[in-house]
């Protein structure tokens, strides 16, 4: 099931994306729970029945991130094996994942522009597979990790490259400019996947139609089940929490010269079995 958050005429709601005569349409589910996050927290996803509900075209809606205000957005850095080699610093492959956090307002939705701030012209793309937690847990063993997943979505983990280098030990500044990244277009519920499927799932990123990133989760140094086990060791994962699992090689900073995003660009991040997240790029209006 594809579940999305949207706004229309000043009202935010959520619903299911269904196919009607070959076209995607929306079935509003505001009567089930006040938000998609609330539905996940209340364990309502499994009981959703779409038969007999009215649907309407998607025209006129504004896509929002599927989970608008998660308690935690946890991001894994440098998780694909060939991505570590991209740094060309002679370092050995890490034995533990790098972790940083992002704030909810650093993301926008599908078909909304990524915003380049006036403080930097080094806005970069990072296509990622995202896990949304469905069941709370602490010290979750990796063999039980799949039971805690509500579903998957897509992230463009937009980064201001010069701002991640302002200090020695953190990247927080360059990862949290308002609306510099995106999530969406929807959440695909976990019943659409198997645990094995998560181990070899393809993610690609295109900029203006040009393929820039292309890899599968089989290249991850820290697979999704391990990430859930690791993160839940030091914090309780809660329903609606978002985990970004890392980006493949091919980000704009790794070209010579770098190829950063500029206004007018279009970025498409595709994840096998989930969909395509599309965003333009615009300068911030001051």
Foldseek 3Di string as FASTA:
>chain_A
DWKFWWDAPRDIFIFHWDADPNATWTFTDCVQDVAPLRCLQVVNPVVDDDPPTDIGHPPRIFTFFRQQFFPWEKEWEPFFPVSVVLVVPPDDDDPDTDIDTEGSQQAGEFAAAQADEPVAQFKKWFKFKKFFFRAKDALDQLVCQLVGTQFIWIKGQIFRVVQCPPDDPGRHRRRYDGRNMYIDNTTDGSVLDDPVCQLFKWKWKDKQNHTQFIGTNVRTPQGPSNVSNVVSHVPMRHGGYMYTYYGGPRMQVSDVNGDGADAPMKMWMQIPPHGIGIHGHDYDDD
